[in-house]
């Protein structure tokens, strides 16, 4: 795993999905959200690519 570097906005625009879809994937365990502060979460690029593989 690399450093968690993708934000919700990054994922939503790159994979053309809604923010709700990303949060749903976190809730069902498909994605792991890494908290970097009280309001900041980031995602691992490799894990995101695997979860949204087309």
PDB file of N, CA and C in Angstrom:
ATOM      1  N   UNK A   1       0.840  -1.180   0.000  1.00  0.00           N
ATOM      2  CA  UNK A   1       0.000   0.000   0.000  1.00  0.00           C
ATOM      3  C   UNK A   1       0.882   1.239   0.000  1.00  0.00           C
ATOM      4  N   UNK A   2       0.481   2.215  -0.802  1.00  0.00           N
ATOM      5  CA  UNK A   2       1.181   3.488  -0.806  1.00  0.00           C
ATOM      6  C   UNK A   2       0.608   4.404   0.251  1.00  0.00           C
ATOM      7  N   UNK A   3       0.996   5.639   0.179  1.00  0.00           N
ATOM      8  CA  UNK A   3       0.439   6.614   1.118  1.00  0.00           C
ATOM      9  C   UNK A   3      -0.975   6.973   0.680  1.00  0.00           C
ATOM     10  N   UNK A   4      -1.912   7.031   1.607  1.00  0.00           N
ATOM     11  CA  UNK A   4      -3.270   7.444   1.255  1.00  0.00           C
ATOM     12  C   UNK A   4      -3.232   8.871   0.703  1.00  0.00           C
ATOM     13  N   UNK A   5      -3.648   9.043  -0.538  1.00  0.00           N
ATOM     14  CA  UNK A   5      -3.490  10.353  -1.150  1.00  0.00           C
ATOM     15  C   UNK A   5      -4.702  10.863  -1.912  1.00  0.00           C
ATOM     16  N   UNK A   6      -5.691  10.042  -2.150  1.00  0.00           N
ATOM     17  CA  UNK A   6      -6.845  10.481  -2.930  1.00  0.00           C
ATOM     18  C   UNK A   6      -7.977  10.954  -2.024  1.00  0.00           C
ATOM     19  N   UNK A   7      -8.552  12.072  -2.387  1.00  0.00           N
ATOM     20  CA  UNK A   7      -9.700  12.582  -1.639  1.00  0.00           C
ATOM     21  C   UNK A   7     -10.987  12.052  -2.264  1.00  0.00           C
ATOM     22  N   UNK A   8     -12.083  12.279  -1.600  1.00  0.00           N
ATOM     23  CA  UNK A   8     -13.389  11.874  -2.127  1.00  0.00           C
ATOM     24  C   UNK A   8     -13.643  12.583  -3.458  1.00  0.00           C
ATOM     25  N   UNK A   9     -13.322  13.862  -3.533  1.00  0.00           N
ATOM     26  CA  UNK A   9     -13.521  14.622  -4.769  1.00  0.00           C
ATOM     27  C   UNK A   9     -12.670  14.069  -5.910  1.00  0.00           C
ATOM     28  N   UNK A  10     -11.425  13.687  -5.622  1.00  0.00           N
ATOM     29  CA  UNK A  10     -10.548  13.096  -6.639  1.00  0.00           C
ATOM     30  C   UNK A  10     -11.162  11.825  -7.219  1.00  0.00           C
ATOM     31  N   UNK A  11     -11.627  10.962  -6.341  1.00  0.00           N
ATOM     32  CA  UNK A  11     -12.208   9.689  -6.778  1.00  0.00           C
ATOM     33  C   UNK A  11     -13.487   9.927  -7.574  1.00  0.00           C
ATOM     34  N   UNK A  12     -14.333  10.801  -7.068  1.00  0.00           N
ATOM     35  CA  UNK A  12     -15.613  11.073  -7.729  1.00  0.00           C
ATOM     36  C   UNK A  12     -15.408  11.593  -9.152  1.00  0.00           C
ATOM     37  N   UNK A  13     -14.466  12.502  -9.339  1.00  0.00           N
ATOM     38  CA  UNK A  13     -14.262  13.058 -10.680  1.00  0.00           C
ATOM     39  C   UNK A  13     -13.551  12.070 -11.602  1.00  0.00           C
ATOM     40  N   UNK A  14     -12.585  11.331 -11.095  1.00  0.00           N
ATOM     41  CA  UNK A  14     -11.820  10.413 -11.943  1.00  0.00           C
ATOM     42  C   UNK A  14     -12.644   9.204 -12.377  1.00  0.00           C
ATOM     43  N   UNK A  15     -13.448   8.657 -11.472  1.00  0.00           N
ATOM     44  CA  UNK A  15     -14.224   7.463 -11.777  1.00  0.00           C
ATOM     45  C   UNK A  15     -15.687   7.770 -12.121  1.00  0.00           C
ATOM     46  N   UNK A  16     -16.036   9.053 -12.163  1.00  0.00           N
ATOM     47  CA  UNK A  16     -17.385   9.492 -12.520  1.00  0.00           C
ATOM     48  C   UNK A  16     -18.446   8.799 -11.659  1.00  0.00           C
ATOM     49  N   UNK A  17     -18.235   8.846 -10.354  1.00  0.00           N
ATOM     50  CA  UNK A  17     -19.190   8.306  -9.392  1.00  0.00           C
ATOM     51  C   UNK A  17     -19.557   9.414  -8.410  1.00  0.00           C
ATOM     52  N   UNK A  18     -20.651   9.228  -7.713  1.00  0.00           N
ATOM     53  CA  UNK A  18     -21.070  10.234  -6.740  1.00  0.00           C
ATOM     54  C   UNK A  18     -20.314  10.059  -5.423  1.00  0.00           C
ATOM     55  N   UNK A  19     -20.339  11.102  -4.631  1.00  0.00           N
ATOM     56  CA  UNK A  19     -19.733  11.036  -3.294  1.00  0.00           C
ATOM     57  C   UNK A  19     -20.441   9.980  -2.458  1.00  0.00           C
ATOM     58  N   UNK A  20     -21.750   9.859  -2.646  1.00  0.00           N
ATOM     59  CA  UNK A  20     -22.526   8.860  -1.902  1.00  0.00           C
ATOM     60  C   UNK A  20     -22.046   7.439  -2.217  1.00  0.00           C
ATOM     61  N   UNK A  21     -21.678   7.184  -3.463  1.00  0.00           N
ATOM     62  CA  UNK A  21     -21.167   5.869  -3.843  1.00  0.00           C
ATOM     63  C   UNK A  21     -19.878   5.564  -3.102  1.00  0.00           C
ATOM     64  N   UNK A  22     -19.007   6.545  -2.978  1.00  0.00           N
ATOM     65  CA  UNK A  22     -17.739   6.354  -2.281  1.00  0.00           C
ATOM     66  C   UNK A  22     -17.987   6.042  -0.814  1.00  0.00           C
ATOM     67  N   UNK A  23     -18.858   6.810  -0.178  1.00  0.00           N
ATOM     68  CA  UNK A  23     -19.160   6.572   1.235  1.00  0.00           C
ATOM     69  C   UNK A  23     -19.858   5.217   1.426  1.00  0.00           C
ATOM     70  N   UNK A  24     -20.670   4.804   0.452  1.00  0.00           N
ATOM     71  CA  UNK A  24     -21.323   3.502   0.516  1.00  0.00           C
ATOM     72  C   UNK A  24     -20.273   2.383   0.453  1.00  0.00           C
ATOM     73  N   UNK A  25     -19.257   2.566  -0.394  1.00  0.00           N
ATOM     74  CA  UNK A  25     -18.173   1.583  -0.493  1.00  0.00           C
ATOM     75  C   UNK A  25     -17.378   1.503   0.804  1.00  0.00           C
ATOM     76  N   UNK A  26     -17.206   2.620   1.480  1.00  0.00           N
ATOM     77  CA  UNK A  26     -16.524   2.620   2.784  1.00  0.00           C
ATOM     78  C   UNK A  26     -17.369   1.848   3.787  1.00  0.00           C
ATOM     79  N   UNK A  27     -18.668   2.118   3.787  1.00  0.00           N
ATOM     80  CA  UNK A  27     -19.568   1.464   4.742  1.00  0.00           C
ATOM     81  C   UNK A  27     -19.632  -0.048   4.528  1.00  0.00           C
ATOM     82  N   UNK A  28     -19.608  -0.501   3.257  1.00  0.00           N
ATOM     83  CA  UNK A  28     -19.697  -1.946   3.013  1.00  0.00           C
ATOM     84  C   UNK A  28     -18.338  -2.649   3.069  1.00  0.00           C
ATOM     85  N   UNK A  29     -17.261  -1.873   3.291  1.00  0.00           N
ATOM     86  CA  UNK A  29     -15.946  -2.466   3.470  1.00  0.00           C
ATOM     87  C   UNK A  29     -15.120  -2.617   2.210  1.00  0.00           C
ATOM     88  N   UNK A  30     -15.638  -2.174   1.072  1.00  0.00           N
ATOM     89  CA  UNK A  30     -14.897  -2.265  -0.188  1.00  0.00           C
ATOM     90  C   UNK A  30     -13.714  -1.317  -0.209  1.00  0.00           C
ATOM     91  N   UNK A  31     -13.868  -0.152   0.405  1.00  0.00           N
ATOM     92  CA  UNK A  31     -12.793   0.836   0.493  1.00  0.00           C
ATOM     93  C   UNK A  31     -12.467   1.110   1.958  1.00  0.00           C
ATOM     94  N   UNK A  32     -11.209   1.414   2.200  1.00  0.00           N
ATOM     95  CA  UNK A  32     -10.776   1.805   3.538  1.00  0.00           C
ATOM     96  C   UNK A  32     -10.485   3.296   3.534  1.00  0.00           C
ATOM     97  N   UNK A  33     -11.119   4.017   4.430  1.00  0.00           N
ATOM     98  CA  UNK A  33     -10.893   5.460   4.559  1.00  0.00           C
ATOM     99  C   UNK A  33      -9.872   5.690   5.674  1.00  0.00           C
ATOM    100  N   UNK A  34      -8.867   6.493   5.372  1.00  0.00           N
ATOM    101  CA  UNK A  34      -7.831   6.818   6.346  1.00  0.00           C
ATOM    102  C   UNK A  34      -8.041   8.242   6.831  1.00  0.00           C
ATOM    103  N   UNK A  35      -8.288   8.410   8.113  1.00  0.00           N
ATOM    104  CA  UNK A  35      -8.503   9.746   8.688  1.00  0.00           C
ATOM    105  C   UNK A  35      -7.163  10.425   8.919  1.00  0.00           C
ATOM    106  N   UNK A  36      -7.030  11.641   8.409  1.00  0.00           N
ATOM    107  CA  UNK A  36      -5.812  12.411   8.584  1.00  0.00           C
ATOM    108  C   UNK A  36      -6.017  13.604   9.499  1.00  0.00           C
ATOM    109  N   UNK A  37      -7.192  13.754   9.990  1.00  0.00           N
ATOM    110  CA  UNK A  37      -7.532  14.836  10.889  1.00  0.00           C
ATOM    111  C   UNK A  37      -8.984  14.665  11.274  1.00  0.00           C
ATOM    112  N   UNK A  38      -9.537  15.664  11.899  1.00  0.00           N
ATOM    113  CA  UNK A  38     -10.918  15.525  12.339  1.00  0.00           C
ATOM    114  C   UNK A  38     -11.907  15.508  11.172  1.00  0.00           C
ATOM    115  N   UNK A  39     -11.543  16.153  10.039  1.00  0.00           N
ATOM    116  CA  UNK A  39     -12.470  16.227   8.904  1.00  0.00           C
ATOM    117  C   UNK A  39     -11.864  15.760   7.588  1.00  0.00           C
ATOM    118  N   UNK A  40     -10.654  15.264   7.619  1.00  0.00           N
ATOM    119  CA  UNK A  40      -9.965  14.896   6.388  1.00  0.00           C
ATOM    120  C   UNK A  40      -9.806  13.387   6.286  1.00  0.00           C
ATOM    121  N   UNK A  41     -10.297  12.820   5.170  1.00  0.00           N
ATOM    122  CA  UNK A  41     -10.073  11.404   4.911  1.00  0.00           C
ATOM    123  C   UNK A  41      -9.424  11.268   3.541  1.00  0.00           C
ATOM    124  N   UNK A  42      -8.605  10.239   3.409  1.00  0.00           N
ATOM    125  CA  UNK A  42      -7.930   9.959   2.153  1.00  0.00           C
ATOM    126  C   UNK A  42      -8.017   8.471   1.877  1.00  0.00           C
ATOM    127  N   UNK A  43      -7.761   8.115   0.623  1.00  0.00           N
ATOM    128  CA  UNK A  43      -7.864   6.733   0.171  1.00  0.00           C
ATOM    129  C   UNK A  43      -6.607   6.335  -0.573  1.00  0.00           C
ATOM    130  N   UNK A  44      -6.258   5.050  -0.502  1.00  0.00           N
ATOM    131  CA  UNK A  44      -5.113   4.507  -1.212  1.00  0.00           C
ATOM    132  C   UNK A  44      -5.479   4.326  -2.690  1.00  0.00           C
ATOM    133  N   UNK A  45      -4.625   4.832  -3.587  1.00  0.00           N
ATOM    134  CA  UNK A  45      -4.913   4.808  -5.022  1.00  0.00           C
ATOM    135  C   UNK A  45      -5.066   3.382  -5.555  1.00  0.00           C
ATOM    136  N   UNK A  46      -4.232   2.473  -5.110  1.00  0.00           N
ATOM    137  CA  UNK A  46      -4.322   1.091  -5.575  1.00  0.00           C
ATOM    138  C   UNK A  46      -5.611   0.411  -5.149  1.00  0.00           C
ATOM    139  N   UNK A  47      -6.016   0.655  -3.932  1.00  0.00           N
ATOM    140  CA  UNK A  47      -7.262   0.083  -3.421  1.00  0.00           C
ATOM    141  C   UNK A  47      -8.465   0.656  -4.164  1.00  0.00           C
ATOM    142  N   UNK A  48      -8.422   1.949  -4.440  1.00  0.00           N
ATOM    143  CA  UNK A  48      -9.513   2.593  -5.188  1.00  0.00           C
ATOM    144  C   UNK A  48      -9.601   2.022  -6.594  1.00  0.00           C
ATOM    145  N   UNK A  49      -8.459   1.871  -7.256  1.00  0.00           N
ATOM    146  CA  UNK A  49      -8.440   1.328  -8.616  1.00  0.00           C
ATOM    147  C   UNK A  49      -9.042  -0.081  -8.639  1.00  0.00           C
ATOM    148  N   UNK A  50      -8.713  -0.898  -7.656  1.00  0.00           N
ATOM    149  CA  UNK A  50      -9.256  -2.255  -7.597  1.00  0.00           C
ATOM    150  C   UNK A  50     -10.766  -2.240  -7.346  1.00  0.00           C
ATOM    151  N   UNK A  51     -11.225  -1.319  -6.506  1.00  0.00           N
ATOM    152  CA  UNK A  51     -12.651  -1.261  -6.171  1.00  0.00           C
ATOM    153  C   UNK A  51     -13.494  -0.762  -7.341  1.00  0.00           C
ATOM    154  N   UNK A  52     -12.933   0.117  -8.161  1.00  0.00           N
ATOM    155  CA  UNK A  52     -13.699   0.681  -9.268  1.00  0.00           C
ATOM    156  C   UNK A  52     -13.212   0.186 -10.625  1.00  0.00           C
ATOM    157  N   UNK A  53     -12.634  -1.003 -10.646  1.00  0.00           N
ATOM    158  CA  UNK A  53     -12.137  -1.582 -11.900  1.00  0.00           C
ATOM    159  C   UNK A  53     -13.300  -1.758 -12.854  1.00  0.00           C
ATOM    160  N   UNK A  54     -13.103  -1.302 -14.060  1.00  0.00           N
ATOM    161  CA  UNK A  54     -14.187  -1.375 -15.057  1.00  0.00           C
ATOM    162  C   UNK A  54     -14.035  -2.570 -15.946  1.00  0.00           C
TER     163      UNK A  54
END
